[in-house]
Amino acid sequence: MPQNLNYLRETASQTAGPYVHIGLAPGAAGFELFEKELGQDIAGPNAMGERITITGRVLDGTGSPVRDVLLETWQANASGIYAHNEDPRHSEVEQG
């Protein structure tokens, strides 16, 4: 008799890869190239606002963990400004 599987609802996928993460996160690939991993601390010690930690898991539709995932996150500062040239107010981002 067939068994019904309880699939999880999947979020939209935006994968355009596969990408090689070694250049973005060399420490994750076992290469210690930098004293501090790129993007490890996206807000300097003088940044305004509350520091938070976000944790989670990436699962496929059956609830199994997805291996070797690279999540890209973007964080605006306390004033809603991104430290990116495409943000018209990026020069207003506080330093440090």
N, C-alpha and C. Protein backbone atom coordinates (compact mmCIF):
# COMPACT_ATOMS: atom_id res chain seq x y z
N MET A 1 0.84 -1.17 0.00
CA MET A 1 0.00 0.00 0.00
C MET A 1 0.89 1.24 0.00
N PRO A 2 0.65 2.23 -0.87
CA PRO A 2 1.47 3.45 -0.92
C PRO A 2 1.37 4.23 0.39
N GLN A 3 2.47 4.86 0.72
CA GLN A 3 2.53 5.67 1.93
C GLN A 3 2.55 7.14 1.55
N ASN A 4 1.68 7.92 2.15
CA ASN A 4 1.69 9.36 1.90
C ASN A 4 2.84 10.00 2.66
N LEU A 5 3.63 10.79 1.97
CA LEU A 5 4.74 11.49 2.61
C LEU A 5 4.29 12.88 3.01
N ASN A 6 4.66 13.28 4.18
CA ASN A 6 4.32 14.62 4.67
C ASN A 6 5.46 15.57 4.30
N TYR A 7 5.38 16.13 3.11
CA TYR A 7 6.41 17.06 2.66
C TYR A 7 6.26 18.40 3.36
N LEU A 8 7.38 19.04 3.63
CA LEU A 8 7.37 20.39 4.17
C LEU A 8 7.11 21.37 3.04
N ARG A 9 6.52 22.49 3.36
CA ARG A 9 6.30 23.53 2.36
C ARG A 9 7.65 24.18 2.05
N GLU A 10 8.02 24.22 0.79
CA GLU A 10 9.32 24.76 0.41
C GLU A 10 9.22 26.24 0.11
N THR A 11 10.30 26.95 0.43
CA THR A 11 10.38 28.36 0.08
C THR A 11 10.88 28.47 -1.36
N ALA A 12 10.70 29.63 -1.92
CA ALA A 12 11.13 29.85 -3.31
C ALA A 12 12.65 29.70 -3.41
N SER A 13 13.09 29.06 -4.46
CA SER A 13 14.51 28.86 -4.69
C SER A 13 15.02 29.94 -5.64
N GLN A 14 16.21 30.44 -5.35
CA GLN A 14 16.82 31.42 -6.24
C GLN A 14 18.22 30.99 -6.64
N THR A 15 18.43 29.70 -6.65
CA THR A 15 19.74 29.17 -6.99
C THR A 15 20.02 29.39 -8.47
N ALA A 16 21.14 29.98 -8.75
CA ALA A 16 21.56 30.16 -10.13
C ALA A 16 22.92 29.52 -10.34
N GLY A 17 23.31 28.67 -9.41
CA GLY A 17 24.64 28.09 -9.38
C GLY A 17 24.70 26.78 -10.15
N PRO A 18 25.52 25.86 -9.77
CA PRO A 18 26.17 25.85 -8.46
C PRO A 18 27.34 26.82 -8.40
N TYR A 19 27.53 27.36 -7.22
CA TYR A 19 28.63 28.26 -6.96
C TYR A 19 29.68 27.55 -6.13
N VAL A 20 30.90 27.98 -6.26
CA VAL A 20 31.98 27.47 -5.43
C VAL A 20 32.18 28.47 -4.30
N HIS A 21 32.01 28.04 -3.07
CA HIS A 21 32.07 28.97 -1.95
C HIS A 21 33.48 29.27 -1.46
N ILE A 22 34.48 28.62 -2.02
CA ILE A 22 35.84 28.78 -1.50
C ILE A 22 36.26 30.25 -1.52
N GLY A 23 35.94 30.98 -2.56
CA GLY A 23 36.33 32.39 -2.62
C GLY A 23 35.57 33.26 -1.66
N LEU A 24 34.35 32.85 -1.29
CA LEU A 24 33.52 33.65 -0.40
C LEU A 24 33.75 33.29 1.06
N ALA A 25 33.96 32.04 1.34
CA ALA A 25 34.14 31.58 2.71
C ALA A 25 35.25 30.53 2.74
N PRO A 26 36.50 30.97 2.57
CA PRO A 26 37.59 29.99 2.49
C PRO A 26 37.72 29.14 3.74
N GLY A 27 37.38 29.69 4.91
CA GLY A 27 37.47 28.91 6.15
C GLY A 27 36.54 27.71 6.13
N ALA A 28 35.38 27.83 5.49
CA ALA A 28 34.44 26.72 5.40
C ALA A 28 34.99 25.59 4.54
N ALA A 29 35.94 25.91 3.67
CA ALA A 29 36.55 24.90 2.81
C ALA A 29 37.88 24.42 3.37
N GLY A 30 38.22 24.87 4.59
CA GLY A 30 39.45 24.42 5.22
C GLY A 30 40.67 25.27 4.92
N PHE A 31 40.48 26.43 4.29
CA PHE A 31 41.60 27.32 3.98
C PHE A 31 41.59 28.49 4.95
N GLU A 32 42.64 28.64 5.72
CA GLU A 32 42.73 29.74 6.68
C GLU A 32 43.52 30.88 6.03
N LEU A 33 42.86 31.69 5.23
CA LEU A 33 43.52 32.76 4.50
C LEU A 33 43.47 34.10 5.22
N PHE A 34 42.46 34.28 6.05
CA PHE A 34 42.25 35.56 6.70
C PHE A 34 42.23 35.39 8.21
N GLU A 35 42.67 36.42 8.92
CA GLU A 35 42.61 36.39 10.38
C GLU A 35 41.16 36.26 10.84
N LYS A 36 40.26 36.94 10.12
CA LYS A 36 38.84 36.91 10.43
C LYS A 36 38.09 36.58 9.15
N GLU A 37 37.21 35.60 9.19
CA GLU A 37 36.47 35.18 7.99
C GLU A 37 35.68 36.35 7.42
N LEU A 38 35.65 36.46 6.10
CA LEU A 38 34.91 37.53 5.46
C LEU A 38 33.44 37.46 5.85
N GLY A 39 32.88 38.58 6.29
CA GLY A 39 31.47 38.61 6.66
C GLY A 39 31.17 38.05 8.03
N GLN A 40 32.20 37.64 8.77
CA GLN A 40 31.97 37.06 10.09
C GLN A 40 31.33 38.08 11.03
N ASP A 41 31.76 39.31 10.94
CA ASP A 41 31.19 40.37 11.76
C ASP A 41 30.80 41.49 10.81
N ILE A 42 29.51 41.63 10.54
CA ILE A 42 29.07 42.61 9.55
C ILE A 42 28.81 43.98 10.16
N ALA A 43 28.98 44.11 11.46
CA ALA A 43 28.81 45.40 12.12
C ALA A 43 30.00 45.63 13.03
N GLY A 44 30.67 46.75 12.85
CA GLY A 44 31.82 47.07 13.67
C GLY A 44 31.43 47.37 15.11
N PRO A 45 32.41 47.54 15.98
CA PRO A 45 32.12 47.76 17.40
C PRO A 45 31.37 49.05 17.69
N ASN A 46 31.44 50.04 16.80
CA ASN A 46 30.75 51.31 17.03
C ASN A 46 29.41 51.41 16.31
N ALA A 47 28.97 50.33 15.68
CA ALA A 47 27.70 50.36 14.95
C ALA A 47 26.54 50.52 15.92
N MET A 48 25.59 51.39 15.53
CA MET A 48 24.41 51.61 16.36
C MET A 48 23.44 50.45 16.19
N GLY A 49 22.55 50.29 17.14
CA GLY A 49 21.52 49.25 17.05
C GLY A 49 21.84 48.06 17.92
N GLU A 50 20.89 47.17 18.00
CA GLU A 50 21.02 45.98 18.83
C GLU A 50 21.67 44.86 18.03
N ARG A 51 22.65 44.20 18.62
CA ARG A 51 23.28 43.05 17.98
C ARG A 51 22.42 41.82 18.22
N ILE A 52 22.20 41.07 17.17
CA ILE A 52 21.40 39.85 17.28
C ILE A 52 22.16 38.70 16.63
N THR A 53 21.78 37.50 16.97
CA THR A 53 22.31 36.30 16.35
C THR A 53 21.15 35.56 15.72
N ILE A 54 21.32 35.17 14.47
CA ILE A 54 20.29 34.41 13.77
C ILE A 54 20.83 33.01 13.53
N THR A 55 20.07 32.02 13.93
CA THR A 55 20.47 30.63 13.71
C THR A 55 19.34 29.90 13.00
N GLY A 56 19.66 28.81 12.37
CA GLY A 56 18.62 28.05 11.70
C GLY A 56 19.19 26.84 10.99
N ARG A 57 18.34 26.16 10.26
CA ARG A 57 18.73 24.99 9.49
C ARG A 57 18.12 25.11 8.10
N VAL A 58 18.78 24.54 7.12
CA VAL A 58 18.24 24.48 5.76
C VAL A 58 17.84 23.04 5.51
N LEU A 59 16.55 22.85 5.25
CA LEU A 59 16.01 21.51 5.03
C LEU A 59 15.39 21.42 3.64
N ASP A 60 15.39 20.22 3.09
CA ASP A 60 14.70 20.03 1.82
C ASP A 60 13.22 19.73 2.09
N GLY A 61 12.47 19.42 1.05
CA GLY A 61 11.04 19.21 1.18
C GLY A 61 10.65 18.04 2.06
N THR A 62 11.57 17.10 2.28
CA THR A 62 11.25 15.96 3.15
C THR A 62 11.73 16.17 4.57
N GLY A 63 12.34 17.33 4.84
CA GLY A 63 12.83 17.62 6.19
C GLY A 63 14.26 17.19 6.42
N SER A 64 14.94 16.71 5.39
CA SER A 64 16.34 16.29 5.53
C SER A 64 17.25 17.51 5.41
N PRO A 65 18.33 17.54 6.19
CA PRO A 65 19.26 18.66 6.09
C PRO A 65 19.89 18.75 4.70
N VAL A 66 20.06 19.96 4.21
CA VAL A 66 20.73 20.19 2.93
C VAL A 66 22.19 20.48 3.26
N ARG A 67 23.09 19.76 2.62
CA ARG A 67 24.52 19.90 2.91
C ARG A 67 25.16 20.97 2.04
N ASP A 68 26.25 21.54 2.55
CA ASP A 68 27.09 22.48 1.81
C ASP A 68 26.30 23.67 1.29
N VAL A 69 25.52 24.27 2.16
CA VAL A 69 24.68 25.42 1.80
C VAL A 69 25.42 26.71 2.12
N LEU A 70 25.32 27.67 1.25
CA LEU A 70 25.84 29.00 1.51
C LEU A 70 24.67 29.96 1.46
N LEU A 71 24.40 30.61 2.58
CA LEU A 71 23.32 31.60 2.65
C LEU A 71 23.93 32.99 2.59
N GLU A 72 23.40 33.81 1.74
CA GLU A 72 23.85 35.19 1.65
C GLU A 72 22.85 36.06 2.41
N THR A 73 23.35 36.86 3.31
CA THR A 73 22.48 37.75 4.07
C THR A 73 22.90 39.19 3.85
N TRP A 74 21.94 40.07 3.92
CA TRP A 74 22.18 41.50 3.82
C TRP A 74 21.62 42.15 5.06
N GLN A 75 22.34 43.08 5.63
CA GLN A 75 21.89 43.75 6.84
C GLN A 75 22.07 45.25 6.68
N ALA A 76 20.99 45.97 6.84
CA ALA A 76 21.06 47.44 6.86
C ALA A 76 21.49 47.89 8.25
N ASN A 77 22.00 49.11 8.34
CA ASN A 77 22.37 49.63 9.66
C ASN A 77 21.11 50.11 10.38
N ALA A 78 21.29 50.71 11.55
CA ALA A 78 20.14 51.14 12.37
C ALA A 78 19.28 52.18 11.67
N SER A 79 19.82 52.86 10.65
CA SER A 79 19.06 53.86 9.90
C SER A 79 18.47 53.30 8.60
N GLY A 80 18.63 51.99 8.39
CA GLY A 80 18.09 51.37 7.19
C GLY A 80 18.96 51.54 5.96
N ILE A 81 20.24 51.84 6.15
CA ILE A 81 21.16 52.07 5.03
C ILE A 81 22.07 50.85 4.87
N TYR A 82 22.23 50.39 3.63
CA TYR A 82 23.12 49.28 3.34
C TYR A 82 24.50 49.81 2.96
N ALA A 83 25.55 49.14 3.40
CA ALA A 83 26.91 49.50 3.03
C ALA A 83 27.22 48.91 1.65
N HIS A 84 26.55 49.42 0.65
CA HIS A 84 26.67 48.92 -0.72
C HIS A 84 26.52 50.10 -1.67
N ASN A 85 27.32 50.11 -2.71
CA ASN A 85 27.31 51.24 -3.65
C ASN A 85 25.95 51.48 -4.31
N GLU A 86 25.09 50.47 -4.37
CA GLU A 86 23.78 50.64 -4.98
C GLU A 86 22.78 51.34 -4.06
N ASP A 87 23.12 51.44 -2.77
CA ASP A 87 22.25 52.20 -1.85
C ASP A 87 22.64 53.66 -1.98
N PRO A 88 21.72 54.54 -2.39
CA PRO A 88 22.06 55.94 -2.61
C PRO A 88 22.61 56.64 -1.37
N ARG A 89 22.35 56.09 -0.19
CA ARG A 89 22.84 56.72 1.04
C ARG A 89 24.01 55.96 1.65
N HIS A 90 24.67 55.08 0.88
CA HIS A 90 25.72 54.23 1.45
C HIS A 90 26.86 55.02 2.07
N SER A 91 27.10 56.23 1.61
CA SER A 91 28.19 57.03 2.18
C SER A 91 27.88 57.49 3.60
N GLU A 92 26.60 57.37 4.01
CA GLU A 92 26.21 57.77 5.36
C GLU A 92 26.41 56.66 6.39
N VAL A 93 26.83 55.47 5.96
CA VAL A 93 27.03 54.36 6.90
C VAL A 93 28.18 54.70 7.83
N GLU A 94 27.94 54.50 9.13
CA GLU A 94 28.98 54.81 10.11
C GLU A 94 30.15 53.84 9.95
N GLN A 95 31.32 54.30 10.21
CA GLN A 95 32.52 53.47 10.09
C GLN A 95 32.86 52.86 11.44
N GLY A 96 33.24 51.59 11.40
CA GLY A 96 33.70 50.93 12.62
C GLY A 96 32.60 50.37 13.41
